[in-house]
Amino acid sequence: MAEKKFRKDAATFKQLVEPMGGCIASDRITVDGMEVGYCYREASDDEYDSGWRFLAGDEDEAYMANTRNFAFYDVNTVANYDPDITPLLEAPEGTAFARDESGRFIAEPLITPDDE
């Protein structure tokens, strides 16, 4: 399996958010450099998991089914890829946000991949 080539160098990351644990993010963000288009917070899997899940929003069913297209990151890592998520991070479990046409995040009903 080929090693992932990340879009940004972790050595350049700043501490943008307080430590809150990890999250799952799509390679569309960390490898392809897309903005976060959809994110949601579900119940944490364990004490290291914030419950946040970040997607570009254009991942199709086949992409979502391939676990190699995702990885577990510190939330601060994803904030360095897309700082626009930082105001959302205190939202409770069960919330979701999507970018609208103007690029702003708006609250949406939570639809997880398991729901589709």
N, C-alpha and C. Protein backbone atom coordinates (compact mmCIF):
# COMPACT_ATOMS: atom_id res chain seq x y z
N MET A 1 0.85 -1.18 0.00
CA MET A 1 0.00 0.00 0.00
C MET A 1 0.89 1.24 0.00
N ALA A 2 0.57 2.18 -0.85
CA ALA A 2 1.35 3.42 -0.96
C ALA A 2 1.13 4.30 0.27
N GLU A 3 2.19 4.97 0.67
CA GLU A 3 2.09 5.91 1.79
C GLU A 3 1.36 7.16 1.32
N LYS A 4 0.54 7.72 2.20
CA LYS A 4 -0.22 8.92 1.86
C LYS A 4 0.73 10.12 1.77
N LYS A 5 0.50 10.95 0.77
CA LYS A 5 1.24 12.20 0.62
C LYS A 5 0.31 13.33 1.04
N PHE A 6 0.54 13.83 2.26
CA PHE A 6 -0.34 14.85 2.80
C PHE A 6 -0.10 16.20 2.14
N ARG A 7 -1.17 16.96 2.02
CA ARG A 7 -1.13 18.26 1.35
C ARG A 7 -0.31 19.28 2.12
N LYS A 8 -0.30 19.17 3.46
CA LYS A 8 0.43 20.13 4.29
C LYS A 8 1.47 19.42 5.14
N ASP A 9 2.53 20.14 5.45
CA ASP A 9 3.60 19.64 6.30
C ASP A 9 3.24 19.90 7.76
N ALA A 10 3.15 18.84 8.55
CA ALA A 10 2.77 18.97 9.96
C ALA A 10 3.71 19.89 10.73
N ALA A 11 4.93 20.04 10.28
CA ALA A 11 5.88 20.92 10.97
C ALA A 11 5.45 22.38 10.90
N THR A 12 4.55 22.71 9.99
CA THR A 12 4.09 24.10 9.85
C THR A 12 2.82 24.39 10.65
N PHE A 13 2.24 23.38 11.28
CA PHE A 13 0.97 23.54 11.99
C PHE A 13 1.14 24.42 13.22
N LYS A 14 0.09 25.21 13.47
CA LYS A 14 0.01 26.04 14.66
C LYS A 14 -1.04 25.42 15.59
N GLN A 15 -0.97 25.76 16.85
CA GLN A 15 -2.00 25.31 17.80
C GLN A 15 -3.19 26.25 17.65
N LEU A 16 -4.18 25.84 16.90
CA LEU A 16 -5.35 26.67 16.61
C LEU A 16 -6.51 26.42 17.56
N VAL A 17 -6.56 25.23 18.14
CA VAL A 17 -7.64 24.88 19.05
C VAL A 17 -7.06 24.20 20.28
N GLU A 18 -7.80 24.31 21.38
CA GLU A 18 -7.39 23.62 22.60
C GLU A 18 -7.45 22.12 22.38
N PRO A 19 -6.56 21.37 22.99
CA PRO A 19 -6.61 19.91 22.83
C PRO A 19 -7.98 19.36 23.22
N MET A 20 -8.55 18.56 22.33
CA MET A 20 -9.87 17.98 22.59
C MET A 20 -9.95 16.54 22.12
N GLY A 21 -8.84 15.99 21.71
CA GLY A 21 -8.84 14.61 21.25
C GLY A 21 -8.74 14.51 19.75
N GLY A 22 -9.07 13.35 19.27
CA GLY A 22 -8.93 13.07 17.85
C GLY A 22 -10.25 13.13 17.10
N CYS A 23 -10.13 12.93 15.80
CA CYS A 23 -11.27 12.97 14.90
C CYS A 23 -10.96 12.10 13.69
N ILE A 24 -11.95 11.86 12.89
CA ILE A 24 -11.75 11.14 11.64
C ILE A 24 -11.94 12.14 10.51
N ALA A 25 -11.00 12.12 9.56
CA ALA A 25 -11.09 13.02 8.40
C ALA A 25 -10.83 12.25 7.12
N SER A 26 -11.48 12.68 6.09
CA SER A 26 -11.34 12.11 4.75
C SER A 26 -10.03 12.55 4.12
N ASP A 27 -9.45 11.68 3.31
CA ASP A 27 -8.26 12.04 2.53
C ASP A 27 -8.55 13.15 1.54
N ARG A 28 -9.81 13.37 1.22
CA ARG A 28 -10.15 14.49 0.33
C ARG A 28 -9.69 15.80 0.95
N ILE A 29 -9.61 15.86 2.28
CA ILE A 29 -9.17 17.06 2.99
C ILE A 29 -7.66 17.04 3.18
N THR A 30 -7.15 15.97 3.79
CA THR A 30 -5.73 15.95 4.19
C THR A 30 -4.76 15.60 3.07
N VAL A 31 -5.22 14.90 2.07
CA VAL A 31 -4.35 14.52 0.95
C VAL A 31 -4.65 15.38 -0.27
N ASP A 32 -5.94 15.54 -0.60
CA ASP A 32 -6.31 16.28 -1.81
C ASP A 32 -6.42 17.79 -1.60
N GLY A 33 -6.50 18.23 -0.34
CA GLY A 33 -6.52 19.66 -0.06
C GLY A 33 -7.86 20.34 -0.18
N MET A 34 -8.94 19.58 -0.16
CA MET A 34 -10.28 20.17 -0.23
C MET A 34 -10.65 20.79 1.11
N GLU A 35 -11.53 21.78 1.10
CA GLU A 35 -12.07 22.33 2.34
C GLU A 35 -13.04 21.32 2.95
N VAL A 36 -13.26 21.45 4.24
CA VAL A 36 -14.31 20.67 4.88
C VAL A 36 -15.64 21.17 4.32
N GLY A 37 -16.44 20.25 3.79
CA GLY A 37 -17.74 20.62 3.25
C GLY A 37 -18.88 20.16 4.13
N TYR A 38 -18.63 19.11 4.92
CA TYR A 38 -19.63 18.57 5.82
C TYR A 38 -18.91 18.00 7.03
N CYS A 39 -19.43 18.29 8.20
CA CYS A 39 -18.85 17.72 9.42
C CYS A 39 -19.95 17.46 10.42
N TYR A 40 -19.70 16.49 11.26
CA TYR A 40 -20.69 16.17 12.28
C TYR A 40 -19.97 15.63 13.51
N ARG A 41 -20.68 15.68 14.62
CA ARG A 41 -20.13 15.19 15.87
C ARG A 41 -21.06 14.11 16.41
N GLU A 42 -20.51 12.93 16.54
CA GLU A 42 -21.27 11.81 17.09
C GLU A 42 -20.69 11.43 18.45
N ALA A 43 -21.28 10.45 19.08
CA ALA A 43 -20.78 9.98 20.36
C ALA A 43 -19.34 9.51 20.19
N SER A 44 -18.51 9.83 21.15
CA SER A 44 -17.10 9.44 21.10
C SER A 44 -16.96 7.93 21.16
N ASP A 45 -15.96 7.43 20.42
CA ASP A 45 -15.67 6.00 20.47
C ASP A 45 -14.91 5.62 21.74
N ASP A 46 -14.11 6.56 22.25
CA ASP A 46 -13.33 6.32 23.47
C ASP A 46 -12.85 7.66 24.00
N GLU A 47 -12.04 7.65 25.04
CA GLU A 47 -11.60 8.90 25.67
C GLU A 47 -10.70 9.75 24.79
N TYR A 48 -10.14 9.17 23.73
CA TYR A 48 -9.25 9.91 22.84
C TYR A 48 -9.98 10.51 21.64
N ASP A 49 -11.24 10.18 21.49
CA ASP A 49 -12.04 10.57 20.33
C ASP A 49 -12.97 11.72 20.70
N SER A 50 -12.87 12.82 19.95
CA SER A 50 -13.76 13.96 20.17
C SER A 50 -15.16 13.71 19.62
N GLY A 51 -15.30 12.74 18.73
CA GLY A 51 -16.57 12.47 18.07
C GLY A 51 -16.73 13.20 16.74
N TRP A 52 -15.80 14.10 16.41
CA TRP A 52 -15.89 14.86 15.16
C TRP A 52 -15.49 14.01 13.97
N ARG A 53 -16.24 14.20 12.86
CA ARG A 53 -15.99 13.55 11.59
C ARG A 53 -16.01 14.64 10.52
N PHE A 54 -14.99 14.66 9.67
CA PHE A 54 -14.85 15.73 8.68
C PHE A 54 -14.76 15.15 7.27
N LEU A 55 -15.61 15.67 6.39
CA LEU A 55 -15.67 15.22 5.00
C LEU A 55 -15.61 16.43 4.08
N ALA A 56 -15.13 16.21 2.88
CA ALA A 56 -15.17 17.27 1.88
C ALA A 56 -16.61 17.48 1.41
N GLY A 57 -17.38 16.41 1.44
CA GLY A 57 -18.78 16.50 1.05
C GLY A 57 -19.06 15.93 -0.32
N ASP A 58 -18.00 15.56 -1.05
CA ASP A 58 -18.21 14.98 -2.38
C ASP A 58 -17.81 13.51 -2.44
N GLU A 59 -17.58 12.90 -1.29
CA GLU A 59 -17.22 11.50 -1.24
C GLU A 59 -18.43 10.65 -1.62
N ASP A 60 -18.27 9.76 -2.59
CA ASP A 60 -19.38 8.90 -2.99
C ASP A 60 -19.39 7.63 -2.13
N GLU A 61 -20.36 6.78 -2.38
CA GLU A 61 -20.54 5.58 -1.57
C GLU A 61 -19.31 4.67 -1.61
N ALA A 62 -18.73 4.49 -2.78
CA ALA A 62 -17.54 3.64 -2.90
C ALA A 62 -16.37 4.22 -2.12
N TYR A 63 -16.20 5.52 -2.19
CA TYR A 63 -15.12 6.18 -1.44
C TYR A 63 -15.32 5.99 0.05
N MET A 64 -16.55 6.19 0.51
CA MET A 64 -16.86 6.08 1.93
C MET A 64 -16.67 4.65 2.43
N ALA A 65 -16.88 3.67 1.58
CA ALA A 65 -16.76 2.27 1.98
C ALA A 65 -15.31 1.82 2.15
N ASN A 66 -14.37 2.57 1.63
CA ASN A 66 -12.96 2.21 1.70
C ASN A 66 -12.33 2.90 2.92
N THR A 67 -12.08 2.15 3.97
CA THR A 67 -11.55 2.73 5.20
C THR A 67 -10.16 3.34 5.01
N ARG A 68 -9.45 2.96 3.97
CA ARG A 68 -8.12 3.55 3.71
C ARG A 68 -8.22 5.01 3.29
N ASN A 69 -9.41 5.48 2.96
CA ASN A 69 -9.61 6.87 2.57
C ASN A 69 -9.79 7.80 3.76
N PHE A 70 -9.65 7.27 4.97
CA PHE A 70 -9.86 8.03 6.19
C PHE A 70 -8.75 7.73 7.18
N ALA A 71 -8.53 8.66 8.09
CA ALA A 71 -7.57 8.42 9.17
C ALA A 71 -8.01 9.19 10.40
N PHE A 72 -7.42 8.80 11.53
CA PHE A 72 -7.69 9.43 12.81
C PHE A 72 -6.61 10.47 13.05
N TYR A 73 -7.02 11.73 13.30
CA TYR A 73 -6.09 12.84 13.50
C TYR A 73 -6.47 13.59 14.76
N ASP A 74 -5.53 14.34 15.29
CA ASP A 74 -5.84 15.33 16.32
C ASP A 74 -6.73 16.38 15.67
N VAL A 75 -7.73 16.87 16.38
CA VAL A 75 -8.63 17.88 15.81
C VAL A 75 -7.84 19.10 15.33
N ASN A 76 -6.79 19.45 16.03
CA ASN A 76 -5.97 20.59 15.63
C ASN A 76 -5.37 20.40 14.23
N THR A 77 -5.07 19.18 13.86
CA THR A 77 -4.54 18.91 12.52
C THR A 77 -5.55 19.32 11.47
N VAL A 78 -6.80 18.91 11.64
CA VAL A 78 -7.83 19.27 10.65
C VAL A 78 -8.09 20.77 10.68
N ALA A 79 -8.01 21.40 11.84
CA ALA A 79 -8.16 22.86 11.92
C ALA A 79 -7.05 23.57 11.12
N ASN A 80 -5.87 22.99 11.07
CA ASN A 80 -4.81 23.58 10.27
C ASN A 80 -5.06 23.41 8.77
N TYR A 81 -5.78 22.38 8.39
CA TYR A 81 -6.17 22.22 7.00
C TYR A 81 -7.31 23.16 6.64
N ASP A 82 -8.22 23.38 7.57
CA ASP A 82 -9.38 24.24 7.32
C ASP A 82 -9.77 24.96 8.62
N PRO A 83 -9.18 26.14 8.86
CA PRO A 83 -9.46 26.88 10.10
C PRO A 83 -10.93 27.29 10.26
N ASP A 84 -11.71 27.24 9.20
CA ASP A 84 -13.13 27.61 9.30
C ASP A 84 -13.90 26.70 10.25
N ILE A 85 -13.36 25.54 10.58
CA ILE A 85 -14.08 24.63 11.47
C ILE A 85 -13.98 25.05 12.93
N THR A 86 -13.03 25.89 13.28
CA THR A 86 -12.77 26.17 14.70
C THR A 86 -13.99 26.69 15.46
N PRO A 87 -14.83 27.57 14.91
CA PRO A 87 -15.99 28.03 15.68
C PRO A 87 -17.03 26.93 15.94
N LEU A 88 -16.95 25.83 15.20
CA LEU A 88 -17.94 24.77 15.32
C LEU A 88 -17.61 23.75 16.40
N LEU A 89 -16.37 23.72 16.84
CA LEU A 89 -15.86 22.59 17.61
C LEU A 89 -16.45 22.42 18.99
N GLU A 90 -17.11 23.43 19.53
CA GLU A 90 -17.75 23.29 20.84
C GLU A 90 -19.19 22.79 20.73
N ALA A 91 -19.65 22.56 19.52
CA ALA A 91 -21.02 22.06 19.33
C ALA A 91 -21.15 20.68 19.96
N PRO A 92 -22.33 20.37 20.48
CA PRO A 92 -22.52 19.08 21.16
C PRO A 92 -22.64 17.91 20.19
N GLU A 93 -22.55 16.71 20.75
CA GLU A 93 -22.79 15.50 19.97
C GLU A 93 -24.17 15.59 19.32
N GLY A 94 -24.28 15.04 18.13
CA GLY A 94 -25.56 15.04 17.43
C GLY A 94 -25.77 16.24 16.53
N THR A 95 -24.75 17.08 16.37
CA THR A 95 -24.87 18.24 15.49
C THR A 95 -24.09 18.00 14.21
N ALA A 96 -24.50 18.72 13.17
CA ALA A 96 -23.85 18.62 11.87
C ALA A 96 -23.86 19.98 11.20
N PHE A 97 -22.88 20.21 10.33
CA PHE A 97 -22.76 21.46 9.61
C PHE A 97 -22.35 21.18 8.17
N ALA A 98 -22.86 21.99 7.25
CA ALA A 98 -22.47 21.90 5.85
C ALA A 98 -22.20 23.31 5.35
N ARG A 99 -21.32 23.43 4.39
CA ARG A 99 -21.06 24.73 3.78
C ARG A 99 -22.20 25.08 2.83
N ASP A 100 -22.62 26.33 2.88
CA ASP A 100 -23.61 26.78 1.92
C ASP A 100 -22.91 27.33 0.68
N GLU A 101 -23.66 27.86 -0.25
CA GLU A 101 -23.10 28.36 -1.51
C GLU A 101 -22.10 29.49 -1.30
N SER A 102 -22.24 30.23 -0.19
CA SER A 102 -21.33 31.35 0.07
C SER A 102 -20.08 30.92 0.84
N GLY A 103 -20.02 29.62 1.19
CA GLY A 103 -18.85 29.11 1.89
C GLY A 103 -18.96 29.13 3.40
N ARG A 104 -20.11 29.58 3.93
CA ARG A 104 -20.31 29.60 5.38
C ARG A 104 -20.91 28.28 5.84
N PHE A 105 -20.56 27.88 7.07
CA PHE A 105 -21.15 26.68 7.64
C PHE A 105 -22.52 26.99 8.20
N ILE A 106 -23.47 26.11 7.90
CA ILE A 106 -24.81 26.22 8.45
C ILE A 106 -25.16 24.90 9.13
N ALA A 107 -25.95 24.98 10.20
CA ALA A 107 -26.38 23.77 10.90
C ALA A 107 -27.32 22.98 10.01
N GLU A 108 -27.19 21.67 10.08
CA GLU A 108 -28.02 20.76 9.29
C GLU A 108 -28.45 19.60 10.16
N PRO A 109 -29.49 18.89 9.76
CA PRO A 109 -29.81 17.65 10.48
C PRO A 109 -28.65 16.66 10.33
N LEU A 110 -28.36 15.94 11.37
CA LEU A 110 -27.27 14.98 11.34
C LEU A 110 -27.63 13.78 10.48
N ILE A 111 -26.85 13.55 9.44
CA ILE A 111 -26.97 12.37 8.60
C ILE A 111 -25.60 11.73 8.56
N THR A 112 -25.46 10.59 9.19
CA THR A 112 -24.18 9.90 9.20
C THR A 112 -24.14 8.91 8.04
N PRO A 113 -22.97 8.43 7.66
CA PRO A 113 -22.90 7.43 6.60
C PRO A 113 -23.73 6.19 6.91
N ASP A 114 -23.92 5.87 8.18
CA ASP A 114 -24.73 4.71 8.55
C ASP A 114 -26.21 4.92 8.24
N ASP A 115 -26.64 6.20 8.16
CA ASP A 115 -28.04 6.51 7.90
C ASP A 115 -28.41 6.39 6.43
N GLU A 116 -27.42 6.45 5.57
CA GLU A 116 -27.71 6.50 4.13
C GLU A 116 -27.90 5.12 3.53
